[in-house]
Amino acid sequence: MRERIVTTTARVVVFVVSLCVAGVFVAAGGQTGRGTAAADIPNLPYTLVEWPTQPTSAAGAPGAWNFIQVASVAVTPRGTILVLHRGAQPIMEFESRGTLVRAWGDGMFSEGKVAAIPRAFWTAEKSHYSAVYGPAGCTSCGAHSVRVDSQGNIWLIDAPGHVIYKMNPAWKEIMRLGTKGVSGTGPNTFNLPTDVASAPNGDVYVTDGYGSARVVRYSREGKYLSQWGSRGTGPGEFGLPHNLVIDARGRVYVTDRDNERIEVFDSNGTFLSQWTGTGGISGLAMTKDQRIWTGGILRDLDGKVLGKLPGPGMAGGHGVAVSDSGDVYIAQLSGVVQKFVRP
């Protein structure tokens, strides 16, 4: 089945719902010290298409995908798309055109869920988030991020489980960072981690974000190397380090969602610059030609805004992925994946 073009106006509610669930409202922005109103950002030549292909029941009747809070999305070297959602069979693999390949992952993720602490209990020196257990309106509620490295290995973040899994392309676990169910801020413990990224030299970086406020660096073999960050608003500090990407030169870009900025570091964690006025961006994705999708806004490696995906409210999404051909996938906590294609 061919992808069907859909209007962007019909999907505006998706962004409002997903951003409210995340506890933030996103406004578009620009480089350091220079905000850019969303209305001033030009639309890029992308079209929103209906994706994935609509399922059909055994009786031949059309159905719908029952994604529960799509937390993240990733593209494999084969060009297939991994959708991580907080429902039954939380890992779903699709062909780029939208045909389901397979689904699995029941029992892999924690049933706890990260939730914002009521504002009345916020303090500057402590996290604004906590794990909540019990009925939460989802299964596999701990599923937070899926990433694929250049060798095709799949990395999965279980935030309230405090653990990161590395799977080979055959989906066999080959490494685990952290200890499931054990929180901490040591060399191999996490407190509600949020994302993972691989550097060109094979080093692995983890944003330990909801409960902690740091970036942790490991060797390709999983040996602890270093860490940086503390809670705050200054250079090198974080309110919530939510996602990160690494460029071809090894520079690390971290979205500090609660401080509404993106911070840039060298490979050792030395602060280089920050892009303020970005709004509370959650998802980051690096393109093949070394540009960065910050939610639905594309920037160069200096933070300059190059354009945005069409449609009102196109700043957000909990996760973002981009294919080598330039197609952009936005994971929405409202339970959909949006696919934007170039002509």
C-alpha atoms as a PDB file:
ATOM      1  CA  MET A   1       0.000   0.000   0.000  1.00  0.00           C
ATOM      2  CA  ARG A   2       1.311   3.417  -0.928  1.00  0.00           C
ATOM      3  CA  GLU A   3       1.673   6.082   1.702  1.00  0.00           C
ATOM      4  CA  ARG A   4      -1.236   8.485   1.737  1.00  0.00           C
ATOM      5  CA  ILE A   5      -0.681  12.217   2.084  1.00  0.00           C
ATOM      6  CA  VAL A   6      -2.612  13.717   4.989  1.00  0.00           C
ATOM      7  CA  THR A   7      -3.238  17.288   5.997  1.00  0.00           C
ATOM      8  CA  THR A   8      -1.143  18.700   8.784  1.00  0.00           C
ATOM      9  CA  THR A   9      -3.977  20.702  10.324  1.00  0.00           C
ATOM     10  CA  ALA A  10      -5.787  17.515  11.289  1.00  0.00           C
ATOM     11  CA  ARG A  11      -2.815  16.484  13.381  1.00  0.00           C
ATOM     12  CA  VAL A  12      -2.267  19.654  15.416  1.00  0.00           C
ATOM     13  CA  VAL A  13      -3.882  18.017  18.450  1.00  0.00           C
ATOM     14  CA  VAL A  14      -1.155  15.363  18.390  1.00  0.00           C
ATOM     15  CA  PHE A  15       1.501  17.857  19.361  1.00  0.00           C
ATOM     16  CA  VAL A  16      -0.559  19.551  22.042  1.00  0.00           C
ATOM     17  CA  VAL A  17      -1.393  16.255  23.715  1.00  0.00           C
ATOM     18  CA  SER A  18       2.137  14.834  23.577  1.00  0.00           C
ATOM     19  CA  LEU A  19       3.790  17.958  24.915  1.00  0.00           C
ATOM     20  CA  CYS A  20       1.339  18.235  27.788  1.00  0.00           C
ATOM     21  CA  VAL A  21       2.031  14.617  28.746  1.00  0.00           C
ATOM     22  CA  ALA A  22       5.741  15.438  28.795  1.00  0.00           C
ATOM     23  CA  GLY A  23       5.054  18.262  31.229  1.00  0.00           C
ATOM     24  CA  VAL A  24       6.280  21.046  28.961  1.00  0.00           C
ATOM     25  CA  PHE A  25       4.987  23.295  26.243  1.00  0.00           C
ATOM     26  CA  VAL A  26       7.472  23.825  23.448  1.00  0.00           C
ATOM     27  CA  ALA A  27       8.185  27.097  21.703  1.00  0.00           C
ATOM     28  CA  ALA A  28      10.506  27.292  18.737  1.00  0.00           C
ATOM     29  CA  GLY A  29      13.805  29.067  19.141  1.00  0.00           C
ATOM     30  CA  GLY A  30      17.180  29.875  17.739  1.00  0.00           C
ATOM     31  CA  GLN A  31      20.865  30.184  18.494  1.00  0.00           C
ATOM     32  CA  THR A  32      22.513  31.358  21.671  1.00  0.00           C
ATOM     33  CA  GLY A  33      20.717  34.412  23.014  1.00  0.00           C
ATOM     34  CA  ARG A  34      18.501  34.790  19.956  1.00  0.00           C
ATOM     35  CA  GLY A  35      14.988  33.377  20.048  1.00  0.00           C
ATOM     36  CA  THR A  36      13.153  32.782  16.785  1.00  0.00           C
ATOM     37  CA  ALA A  37       9.367  32.877  16.697  1.00  0.00           C
ATOM     38  CA  ALA A  38       7.828  29.782  15.122  1.00  0.00           C
ATOM     39  CA  ALA A  39       5.950  31.933  12.610  1.00  0.00           C
ATOM     40  CA  ASP A  40       9.266  33.289  11.335  1.00  0.00           C
ATOM     41  CA  ILE A  41      10.753  29.866  10.562  1.00  0.00           C
ATOM     42  CA  PRO A  42      10.238  28.804   6.929  1.00  0.00           C
ATOM     43  CA  ASN A  43       8.618  25.486   6.144  1.00  0.00           C
ATOM     44  CA  LEU A  44      10.869  22.907   4.547  1.00  0.00           C
ATOM     45  CA  PRO A  45       9.576  20.992   1.500  1.00  0.00           C
ATOM     46  CA  TYR A  46       8.239  18.009   3.436  1.00  0.00           C
ATOM     47  CA  THR A  47       4.859  16.316   3.238  1.00  0.00           C
ATOM     48  CA  LEU A  48       3.098  14.470   6.060  1.00  0.00           C
ATOM     49  CA  VAL A  49       1.991  11.012   4.930  1.00  0.00           C
ATOM     50  CA  GLU A  50      -0.148   8.421   6.677  1.00  0.00           C
ATOM     51  CA  TRP A  51       2.124   5.829   8.236  1.00  0.00           C
ATOM     52  CA  PRO A  52       2.359   2.927   8.957  1.00  0.00           C
ATOM     53  CA  THR A  53       0.170   0.943   6.582  1.00  0.00           C
ATOM     54  CA  GLN A  54      -3.285   0.398   8.045  1.00  0.00           C
ATOM     55  CA  PRO A  55      -3.608  -3.142   9.444  1.00  0.00           C
ATOM     56  CA  THR A  56      -6.299  -5.558   8.320  1.00  0.00           C
ATOM     57  CA  SER A  57      -8.047  -8.010  10.620  1.00  0.00           C
ATOM     58  CA  ALA A  58      -8.346 -11.742   9.949  1.00  0.00           C
ATOM     59  CA  ALA A  59     -11.882 -11.038   8.739  1.00  0.00           C
ATOM     60  CA  GLY A  60     -10.542  -8.591   6.169  1.00  0.00           C
ATOM     61  CA  ALA A  61     -11.803  -5.473   7.928  1.00  0.00           C
ATOM     62  CA  PRO A  62      -9.557  -2.407   8.231  1.00  0.00           C
ATOM     63  CA  GLY A  63      -8.176  -1.697  11.687  1.00  0.00           C
ATOM     64  CA  ALA A  64      -5.881   0.740  13.438  1.00  0.00           C
ATOM     65  CA  TRP A  65      -2.562   0.511  15.233  1.00  0.00           C
ATOM     66  CA  ASN A  66      -3.020   0.586  18.990  1.00  0.00           C
ATOM     67  CA  PHE A  67       0.223   2.328  19.893  1.00  0.00           C
ATOM     68  CA  ILE A  68       0.304   3.367  23.540  1.00  0.00           C
ATOM     69  CA  GLN A  69       2.437   6.469  24.047  1.00  0.00           C
ATOM     70  CA  VAL A  70       5.043   6.230  21.287  1.00  0.00           C
ATOM     71  CA  ALA A  71       8.217   7.145  23.171  1.00  0.00           C
ATOM     72  CA  SER A  72      10.877   6.775  20.490  1.00  0.00           C
ATOM     73  CA  VAL A  73      11.612   5.770  16.922  1.00  0.00           C
ATOM     74  CA  ALA A  74      14.803   4.693  15.124  1.00  0.00           C
ATOM     75  CA  VAL A  75      15.983   3.721  11.640  1.00  0.00           C
ATOM     76  CA  THR A  76      18.088   0.577  11.142  1.00  0.00           C
ATOM     77  CA  PRO A  77      20.895   0.227   8.563  1.00  0.00           C
ATOM     78  CA  ARG A  78      18.485  -1.953   6.571  1.00  0.00           C
ATOM     79  CA  GLY A  79      16.113   0.985   6.317  1.00  0.00           C
ATOM     80  CA  THR A  80      13.433  -0.514   8.561  1.00  0.00           C
ATOM     81  CA  ILE A  81      11.820   1.586  11.272  1.00  0.00           C
ATOM     82  CA  LEU A  82      11.723   0.630  14.953  1.00  0.00           C
ATOM     83  CA  VAL A  83       8.789   2.019  16.921  1.00  0.00           C
ATOM     84  CA  LEU A  84       9.057   1.915  20.709  1.00  0.00           C
ATOM     85  CA  HIS A  85       5.702   2.331  22.426  1.00  0.00           C
ATOM     86  CA  ARG A  86       4.302   1.669  25.886  1.00  0.00           C
ATOM     87  CA  GLY A  87       1.892  -1.109  25.054  1.00  0.00           C
ATOM     88  CA  ALA A  88       1.853  -4.833  24.387  1.00  0.00           C
ATOM     89  CA  GLN A  89       4.778  -5.917  22.191  1.00  0.00           C
ATOM     90  CA  PRO A  90       6.481  -2.563  22.760  1.00  0.00           C
ATOM     91  CA  ILE A  91       9.089  -2.920  19.987  1.00  0.00           C
ATOM     92  CA  MET A  92       7.578  -2.943  16.512  1.00  0.00           C
ATOM     93  CA  GLU A  93       9.573  -3.069  13.286  1.00  0.00           C
ATOM     94  CA  PHE A  94       8.128  -1.771  10.003  1.00  0.00           C
ATOM     95  CA  GLU A  95       9.336  -1.484   6.446  1.00  0.00           C
ATOM     96  CA  SER A  96       9.846   2.144   5.450  1.00  0.00           C
ATOM     97  CA  ARG A  97       6.628   1.990   3.423  1.00  0.00           C
ATOM     98  CA  GLY A  98       4.749   0.964   6.559  1.00  0.00           C
ATOM     99  CA  THR A  99       4.349  -2.823   6.402  1.00  0.00           C
ATOM    100  CA  LEU A 100       4.774  -4.580   9.749  1.00  0.00           C
ATOM    101  CA  VAL A 101       7.801  -6.885   9.881  1.00  0.00           C
ATOM    102  CA  ARG A 102       7.580  -8.156  13.458  1.00  0.00           C
ATOM    103  CA  ALA A 103       6.845  -7.132  17.040  1.00  0.00           C
ATOM    104  CA  TRP A 104       8.195  -8.317  20.373  1.00  0.00           C
ATOM    105  CA  GLY A 105       9.450  -7.145  23.776  1.00  0.00           C
ATOM    106  CA  ASP A 106       6.726  -8.192  26.229  1.00  0.00           C
ATOM    107  CA  GLY A 107       8.162  -8.340  29.751  1.00  0.00           C
ATOM    108  CA  MET A 108      11.364  -6.507  28.833  1.00  0.00           C
ATOM    109  CA  PHE A 109      10.512  -3.086  30.252  1.00  0.00           C
ATOM    110  CA  SER A 110       9.519  -1.972  33.714  1.00  0.00           C
ATOM    111  CA  GLU A 111       5.895  -1.252  34.501  1.00  0.00           C
ATOM    112  CA  GLY A 112       6.798   1.902  36.398  1.00  0.00           C
ATOM    113  CA  LYS A 113       6.412   5.238  34.688  1.00  0.00           C
ATOM    114  CA  VAL A 114       8.269   8.533  34.984  1.00  0.00           C
ATOM    115  CA  ALA A 115       5.987  11.371  36.053  1.00  0.00           C
ATOM    116  CA  ALA A 116       6.456  15.015  36.961  1.00  0.00           C
ATOM    117  CA  ILE A 117       6.378  15.921  40.654  1.00  0.00           C
ATOM    118  CA  PRO A 118       3.679  18.514  41.452  1.00  0.00           C
ATOM    119  CA  ARG A 119       5.123  21.996  41.073  1.00  0.00           C
ATOM    120  CA  ALA A 120       4.412  22.827  44.717  1.00  0.00           C
ATOM    121  CA  PHE A 121       7.166  20.360  45.670  1.00  0.00           C
ATOM    122  CA  TRP A 122       9.820  21.576  43.217  1.00  0.00           C
ATOM    123  CA  THR A 123      13.182  22.742  44.486  1.00  0.00           C
ATOM    124  CA  ALA A 124      16.087  24.090  42.461  1.00  0.00           C
ATOM    125  CA  GLU A 125      18.567  21.460  43.621  1.00  0.00           C
ATOM    126  CA  LYS A 126      16.406  18.368  43.156  1.00  0.00           C
ATOM    127  CA  SER A 127      14.815  16.553  40.238  1.00  0.00           C
ATOM    128  CA  HIS A 128      11.276  17.452  39.237  1.00  0.00           C
ATOM    129  CA  TYR A 129      10.532  13.836  38.261  1.00  0.00           C
ATOM    130  CA  SER A 130       9.936  10.503  39.956  1.00  0.00           C
ATOM    131  CA  ALA A 131       9.037   6.936  39.042  1.00  0.00           C
ATOM    132  CA  VAL A 132       5.379   6.106  39.697  1.00  0.00           C
ATOM    133  CA  TYR A 133       4.269   2.507  40.112  1.00  0.00           C
ATOM    134  CA  GLY A 134       0.831   0.979  39.921  1.00  0.00           C
ATOM    135  CA  PRO A 135      -1.833   1.434  37.220  1.00  0.00           C
ATOM    136  CA  ALA A 136      -0.545   4.012  34.769  1.00  0.00           C
ATOM    137  CA  GLY A 137      -2.664   3.483  31.663  1.00  0.00           C
ATOM    138  CA  CYS A 138       0.045   1.548  29.837  1.00  0.00           C
ATOM    139  CA  THR A 139       2.116  -1.598  29.862  1.00  0.00           C
ATOM    140  CA  SER A 140       5.878  -1.530  29.295  1.00  0.00           C
ATOM    141  CA  CYS A 141       5.599   1.967  30.751  1.00  0.00           C
ATOM    142  CA  GLY A 142       9.362   2.195  31.303  1.00  0.00           C
ATOM    143  CA  ALA A 143      10.151   2.189  27.571  1.00  0.00           C
ATOM    144  CA  HIS A 144      11.847   5.515  26.889  1.00  0.00           C
ATOM    145  CA  SER A 145      14.307   5.451  23.979  1.00  0.00           C
ATOM    146  CA  VAL A 146      15.490   3.254  21.113  1.00  0.00           C
ATOM    147  CA  ARG A 147      18.659   4.015  19.148  1.00  0.00           C
ATOM    148  CA  VAL A 148      20.563   2.110  16.462  1.00  0.00           C
ATOM    149  CA  ASP A 149      24.331   2.460  16.061  1.00  0.00           C
ATOM    150  CA  SER A 150      26.355   2.293  12.834  1.00  0.00           C
ATOM    151  CA  GLN A 151      26.893  -1.479  13.248  1.00  0.00           C
ATOM    152  CA  GLY A 152      23.163  -2.073  13.480  1.00  0.00           C
ATOM    153  CA  ASN A 153      23.142  -2.761  17.220  1.00  0.00           C
ATOM    154  CA  ILE A 154      19.951  -1.703  18.988  1.00  0.00           C
ATOM    155  CA  TRP A 155      20.080   0.245  22.257  1.00  0.00           C
ATOM    156  CA  LEU A 156      17.025   0.385  24.514  1.00  0.00           C
ATOM    157  CA  ILE A 157      16.438   2.587  27.566  1.00  0.00           C
ATOM    158  CA  ASP A 158      14.236   1.418  30.427  1.00  0.00           C
ATOM    159  CA  ALA A 159      13.999   4.661  32.422  1.00  0.00           C
ATOM    160  CA  PRO A 160      12.378   3.519  35.713  1.00  0.00           C
ATOM    161  CA  GLY A 161      14.284   0.238  35.416  1.00  0.00           C
ATOM    162  CA  HIS A 162      17.525   2.291  35.516  1.00  0.00           C
ATOM    163  CA  VAL A 163      19.029   0.124  32.768  1.00  0.00           C
ATOM    164  CA  ILE A 164      20.239   0.279  29.142  1.00  0.00           C
ATOM    165  CA  TYR A 165      20.231  -2.806  26.916  1.00  0.00           C
ATOM    166  CA  LYS A 166      22.446  -3.321  23.881  1.00  0.00           C
ATOM    167  CA  MET A 167      21.111  -5.890  21.407  1.00  0.00           C
ATOM    168  CA  ASN A 168      22.856  -7.145  18.285  1.00  0.00           C
ATOM    169  CA  PRO A 169      21.035  -7.014  14.924  1.00  0.00           C
ATOM    170  CA  ALA A 170      19.613 -10.489  15.663  1.00  0.00           C
ATOM    171  CA  TRP A 171      18.099  -9.058  18.882  1.00  0.00           C
ATOM    172  CA  LYS A 172      20.342 -10.979  21.257  1.00  0.00           C
ATOM    173  CA  GLU A 173      21.406  -9.017  24.338  1.00  0.00           C
ATOM    174  CA  ILE A 174      25.166  -8.424  24.209  1.00  0.00           C
ATOM    175  CA  MET A 175      25.646  -5.707  26.842  1.00  0.00           C
ATOM    176  CA  ARG A 176      23.810  -4.176  29.742  1.00  0.00           C
ATOM    177  CA  LEU A 177      24.624  -0.862  31.407  1.00  0.00           C
ATOM    178  CA  GLY A 178      23.197  -0.408  34.860  1.00  0.00           C
ATOM    179  CA  THR A 179      21.464  -2.934  37.100  1.00  0.00           C
ATOM    180  CA  LYS A 180      17.738  -3.360  36.594  1.00  0.00           C
ATOM    181  CA  GLY A 181      15.768  -2.060  39.539  1.00  0.00           C
ATOM    182  CA  VAL A 182      18.785  -0.451  41.223  1.00  0.00           C
ATOM    183  CA  SER A 183      19.065   3.336  41.135  1.00  0.00           C
ATOM    184  CA  GLY A 184      22.199   5.339  41.786  1.00  0.00           C
ATOM    185  CA  THR A 185      24.743   7.742  40.363  1.00  0.00           C
ATOM    186  CA  GLY A 186      27.810   5.540  40.355  1.00  0.00           C
ATOM    187  CA  PRO A 187      29.898   4.323  37.423  1.00  0.00           C
ATOM    188  CA  ASN A 188      27.360   1.636  36.544  1.00  0.00           C
ATOM    189  CA  THR A 189      24.135   2.782  38.131  1.00  0.00           C
ATOM    190  CA  PHE A 190      21.592   5.254  36.804  1.00  0.00           C
ATOM    191  CA  ASN A 191      18.660   7.209  38.144  1.00  0.00           C
ATOM    192  CA  LEU A 192      15.929   7.278  35.511  1.00  0.00           C
ATOM    193  CA  PRO A 193      18.166   7.450  32.381  1.00  0.00           C
ATOM    194  CA  THR A 194      16.756   8.965  29.227  1.00  0.00           C
ATOM    195  CA  ASP A 195      18.882   8.359  26.101  1.00  0.00           C
ATOM    196  CA  VAL A 196      22.053   6.837  24.646  1.00  0.00           C
ATOM    197  CA  ALA A 197      24.325   7.679  21.701  1.00  0.00           C
ATOM    198  CA  SER A 198      27.440   6.204  20.099  1.00  0.00           C
ATOM    199  CA  ALA A 199      30.436   8.307  19.053  1.00  0.00           C
ATOM    200  CA  PRO A 200      32.494   7.763  15.875  1.00  0.00           C
ATOM    201  CA  ASN A 201      35.232   6.084  17.952  1.00  0.00           C
ATOM    202  CA  GLY A 202      32.726   3.698  19.541  1.00  0.00           C
ATOM    203  CA  ASP A 203      32.412   5.424  22.920  1.00  0.00           C
ATOM    204  CA  VAL A 204      28.915   5.328  24.398  1.00  0.00           C
ATOM    205  CA  TYR A 205      27.244   8.306  26.074  1.00  0.00           C
ATOM    206  CA  VAL A 206      24.188   8.071  28.333  1.00  0.00           C
ATOM    207  CA  THR A 207      22.008  10.941  29.517  1.00  0.00           C
ATOM    208  CA  ASP A 208      21.102  10.057  33.089  1.00  0.00           C
ATOM    209  CA  GLY A 209      18.366  12.593  33.096  1.00  0.00           C
ATOM    210  CA  TYR A 210      15.143  12.355  35.058  1.00  0.00           C
ATOM    211  CA  GLY A 211      16.477  11.475  38.501  1.00  0.00           C
ATOM    212  CA  SER A 212      20.056  12.578  37.953  1.00  0.00           C
ATOM    213  CA  ALA A 213      21.459  15.422  35.840  1.00  0.00           C
ATOM    214  CA  ARG A 214      24.573  14.114  34.120  1.00  0.00           C
ATOM    215  CA  VAL A 215      26.068  12.570  31.000  1.00  0.00           C
ATOM    216  CA  VAL A 216      28.013   9.330  31.508  1.00  0.00           C
ATOM    217  CA  ARG A 217      30.641   8.104  29.040  1.00  0.00           C
ATOM    218  CA  TYR A 218      31.704   4.476  28.446  1.00  0.00           C
ATOM    219  CA  SER A 219      34.068   2.688  26.090  1.00  0.00           C
ATOM    220  CA  ARG A 220      32.664   0.503  23.322  1.00  0.00           C
ATOM    221  CA  GLU A 221      33.218  -2.459  25.678  1.00  0.00           C
ATOM    222  CA  GLY A 222      31.117  -0.816  28.402  1.00  0.00           C
ATOM    223  CA  LYS A 223      33.977   0.352  30.626  1.00  0.00           C
ATOM    224  CA  TYR A 224      33.214   3.502  32.595  1.00  0.00           C
ATOM    225  CA  LEU A 225      35.343   6.430  31.391  1.00  0.00           C
ATOM    226  CA  SER A 226      33.977   9.695  32.760  1.00  0.00           C
ATOM    227  CA  GLN A 227      30.919  11.786  33.535  1.00  0.00           C
ATOM    228  CA  TRP A 228      29.907  15.420  33.735  1.00  0.00           C
ATOM    229  CA  GLY A 229      27.004  17.610  34.741  1.00  0.00           C
ATOM    230  CA  SER A 230      25.052  18.619  37.823  1.00  0.00           C
ATOM    231  CA  ARG A 231      21.654  20.148  38.443  1.00  0.00           C
ATOM    232  CA  GLY A 232      21.385  23.832  37.664  1.00  0.00           C
ATOM    233  CA  THR A 233      21.051  26.422  34.937  1.00  0.00           C
ATOM    234  CA  GLY A 234      24.676  27.355  34.285  1.00  0.00           C
ATOM    235  CA  PRO A 235      26.983  26.150  31.494  1.00  0.00           C
ATOM    236  CA  GLY A 236      27.456  22.403  31.767  1.00  0.00           C
ATOM    237  CA  GLU A 237      24.561  22.032  34.201  1.00  0.00           C
ATOM    238  CA  PHE A 238      21.186  20.461  33.434  1.00  0.00           C
ATOM    239  CA  GLY A 239      17.562  20.719  34.417  1.00  0.00           C
ATOM    240  CA  LEU A 240      16.685  17.611  32.410  1.00  0.00           C
ATOM    241  CA  PRO A 241      19.207  16.134  29.928  1.00  0.00           C
ATOM    242  CA  HIS A 242      16.648  14.326  27.780  1.00  0.00           C
ATOM    243  CA  ASN A 243      18.236  13.344  24.459  1.00  0.00           C
ATOM    244  CA  LEU A 244      21.667  13.541  22.886  1.00  0.00           C
ATOM    245  CA  VAL A 245      23.372  13.104  19.518  1.00  0.00           C
ATOM    246  CA  ILE A 246      27.034  13.112  18.476  1.00  0.00           C
ATOM    247  CA  ASP A 247      28.474  14.585  15.302  1.00  0.00           C
ATOM    248  CA  ALA A 248      31.257  13.237  13.072  1.00  0.00           C
ATOM    249  CA  ARG A 249      33.883  15.146  15.074  1.00  0.00           C
ATOM    250  CA  GLY A 250      32.732  13.673  18.366  1.00  0.00           C
ATOM    251  CA  ARG A 251      30.963  16.749  19.710  1.00  0.00           C
ATOM    252  CA  VAL A 252      28.041  15.946  22.001  1.00  0.00           C
ATOM    253  CA  TYR A 253      24.723  17.819  21.719  1.00  0.00           C
ATOM    254  CA  VAL A 254      22.362  17.497  24.689  1.00  0.00           C
ATOM    255  CA  THR A 255      18.829  18.825  24.886  1.00  0.00           C
ATOM    256  CA  ASP A 256      18.391  20.340  28.361  1.00  0.00           C
ATOM    257  CA  ARG A 257      14.619  20.242  28.183  1.00  0.00           C
ATOM    258  CA  ASP A 258      13.659  21.929  31.444  1.00  0.00           C
ATOM    259  CA  ASN A 259      16.100  24.797  30.826  1.00  0.00           C
ATOM    260  CA  GLU A 260      14.837  25.124  27.237  1.00  0.00           C
ATOM    261  CA  ARG A 261      18.213  24.966  25.560  1.00  0.00           C
ATOM    262  CA  ILE A 262      20.655  22.647  23.803  1.00  0.00           C
ATOM    263  CA  GLU A 263      24.178  22.407  25.198  1.00  0.00           C
ATOM    264  CA  VAL A 264      27.237  21.437  23.144  1.00  0.00           C
ATOM    265  CA  PHE A 265      30.300  19.664  24.581  1.00  0.00           C
ATOM    266  CA  ASP A 266      33.505  18.166  23.262  1.00  0.00           C
ATOM    267  CA  SER A 267      33.993  14.413  23.566  1.00  0.00           C
ATOM    268  CA  ASN A 268      35.441  14.782  27.084  1.00  0.00           C
ATOM    269  CA  GLY A 269      32.541  16.845  28.385  1.00  0.00           C
ATOM    270  CA  THR A 270      34.091  20.299  28.131  1.00  0.00           C
ATOM    271  CA  PHE A 271      31.336  22.863  27.614  1.00  0.00           C
ATOM    272  CA  LEU A 272      31.587  24.564  24.211  1.00  0.00           C
ATOM    273  CA  SER A 273      28.363  26.503  23.660  1.00  0.00           C
ATOM    274  CA  GLN A 274      24.623  26.543  24.183  1.00  0.00           C
ATOM    275  CA  TRP A 275      21.622  27.283  21.992  1.00  0.00           C
ATOM    276  CA  THR A 276      19.114  29.130  24.122  1.00  0.00           C
ATOM    277  CA  GLY A 277      15.514  29.943  23.293  1.00  0.00           C
ATOM    278  CA  THR A 278      14.893  26.528  21.759  1.00  0.00           C
ATOM    279  CA  GLY A 279      11.921  25.719  23.965  1.00  0.00           C
ATOM    280  CA  GLY A 280      11.633  22.439  25.845  1.00  0.00           C
ATOM    281  CA  ILE A 281      12.815  20.176  23.022  1.00  0.00           C
ATOM    282  CA  SER A 282      12.723  16.450  23.824  1.00  0.00           C
ATOM    283  CA  GLY A 283      14.019  14.639  20.716  1.00  0.00           C
ATOM    284  CA  LEU A 284      17.219  15.040  18.698  1.00  0.00           C
ATOM    285  CA  ALA A 285      18.356  13.286  15.512  1.00  0.00           C
ATOM    286  CA  MET A 286      21.543  13.714  13.462  1.00  0.00           C
ATOM    287  CA  THR A 287      21.200  13.633   9.682  1.00  0.00           C
ATOM    288  CA  LYS A 288      23.567  11.954   7.246  1.00  0.00           C
ATOM    289  CA  ASP A 289      24.827  15.383   6.117  1.00  0.00           C
ATOM    290  CA  GLN A 290      25.518  16.540   9.694  1.00  0.00           C
ATOM    291  CA  ARG A 291      22.516  18.613  10.533  1.00  0.00           C
ATOM    292  CA  ILE A 292      20.314  18.165  13.599  1.00  0.00           C
ATOM    293  CA  TRP A 293      16.584  17.759  13.881  1.00  0.00           C
ATOM    294  CA  THR A 294      15.588  19.393  17.165  1.00  0.00           C
ATOM    295  CA  GLY A 295      12.040  18.140  17.333  1.00  0.00           C
ATOM    296  CA  GLY A 296      10.517  19.269  14.042  1.00  0.00           C
ATOM    297  CA  ILE A 297      13.040  22.084  13.498  1.00  0.00           C
ATOM    298  CA  LEU A 298      16.214  21.537  11.474  1.00  0.00           C
ATOM    299  CA  ARG A 299      19.438  23.303  12.511  1.00  0.00           C
ATOM    300  CA  ASP A 300      23.043  23.319  11.409  1.00  0.00           C
ATOM    301  CA  LEU A 301      25.818  22.361  13.828  1.00  0.00           C
ATOM    302  CA  ASP A 302      26.108  25.967  15.011  1.00  0.00           C
ATOM    303  CA  GLY A 303      22.452  26.006  16.018  1.00  0.00           C
ATOM    304  CA  LYS A 304      21.235  28.144  13.119  1.00  0.00           C
ATOM    305  CA  VAL A 305      17.624  27.386  12.216  1.00  0.00           C
ATOM    306  CA  LEU A 306      17.306  26.104   8.654  1.00  0.00           C
ATOM    307  CA  GLY A 307      13.583  25.451   8.595  1.00  0.00           C
ATOM    308  CA  LYS A 308      10.815  23.364  10.086  1.00  0.00           C
ATOM    309  CA  LEU A 309       8.399  20.627   9.206  1.00  0.00           C
ATOM    310  CA  PRO A 310       5.075  21.970   7.890  1.00  0.00           C
ATOM    311  CA  GLY A 311       2.082  22.430  10.116  1.00  0.00           C
ATOM    312  CA  PRO A 312       1.255  24.442  13.236  1.00  0.00           C
ATOM    313  CA  GLY A 313       3.007  23.456  16.450  1.00  0.00           C
ATOM    314  CA  MET A 314       5.793  21.614  14.651  1.00  0.00           C
ATOM    315  CA  ALA A 315       8.343  21.990  17.416  1.00  0.00           C
ATOM    316  CA  GLY A 316       8.025  18.796  19.359  1.00  0.00           C
ATOM    317  CA  GLY A 317       7.763  15.082  19.685  1.00  0.00           C
ATOM    318  CA  HIS A 318       9.217  12.818  22.347  1.00  0.00           C
ATOM    319  CA  GLY A 319      11.597  11.174  19.866  1.00  0.00           C
ATOM    320  CA  VAL A 320      12.884  11.874  16.353  1.00  0.00           C
ATOM    321  CA  ALA A 321      14.602   9.749  13.710  1.00  0.00           C
ATOM    322  CA  VAL A 322      15.748  10.452  10.159  1.00  0.00           C
ATOM    323  CA  SER A 323      16.531   8.046   7.326  1.00  0.00           C
ATOM    324  CA  ASP A 324      19.469   8.342   4.963  1.00  0.00           C
ATOM    325  CA  SER A 325      17.053   9.533   2.288  1.00  0.00           C
ATOM    326  CA  GLY A 326      15.892  12.352   4.565  1.00  0.00           C
ATOM    327  CA  ASP A 327      12.499  11.055   5.687  1.00  0.00           C
ATOM    328  CA  VAL A 328      11.698  12.238   9.232  1.00  0.00           C
ATOM    329  CA  TYR A 329       9.791  10.218  11.824  1.00  0.00           C
ATOM    330  CA  ILE A 330       8.334  11.898  14.916  1.00  0.00           C
ATOM    331  CA  ALA A 331       7.327   9.781  17.942  1.00  0.00           C
ATOM    332  CA  GLN A 332       4.335  11.276  19.733  1.00  0.00           C
ATOM    333  CA  LEU A 333       3.227  10.340  23.248  1.00  0.00           C
ATOM    334  CA  SER A 334      -0.341  10.729  22.037  1.00  0.00           C
ATOM    335  CA  GLY A 335       0.114   7.352  20.348  1.00  0.00           C
ATOM    336  CA  VAL A 336       1.099   8.023  16.735  1.00  0.00           C
ATOM    337  CA  VAL A 337       4.196   8.110  14.554  1.00  0.00           C
ATOM    338  CA  GLN A 338       4.292  10.917  12.030  1.00  0.00           C
ATOM    339  CA  LYS A 339       6.277  10.453   8.843  1.00  0.00           C
ATOM    340  CA  PHE A 340       7.378  13.403   6.722  1.00  0.00           C
ATOM    341  CA  VAL A 341       8.838  12.809   3.272  1.00  0.00           C
ATOM    342  CA  ARG A 342      10.698  15.021   0.853  1.00  0.00           C
ATOM    343  CA  PRO A 343       9.553  15.292  -2.792  1.00  0.00           C
END
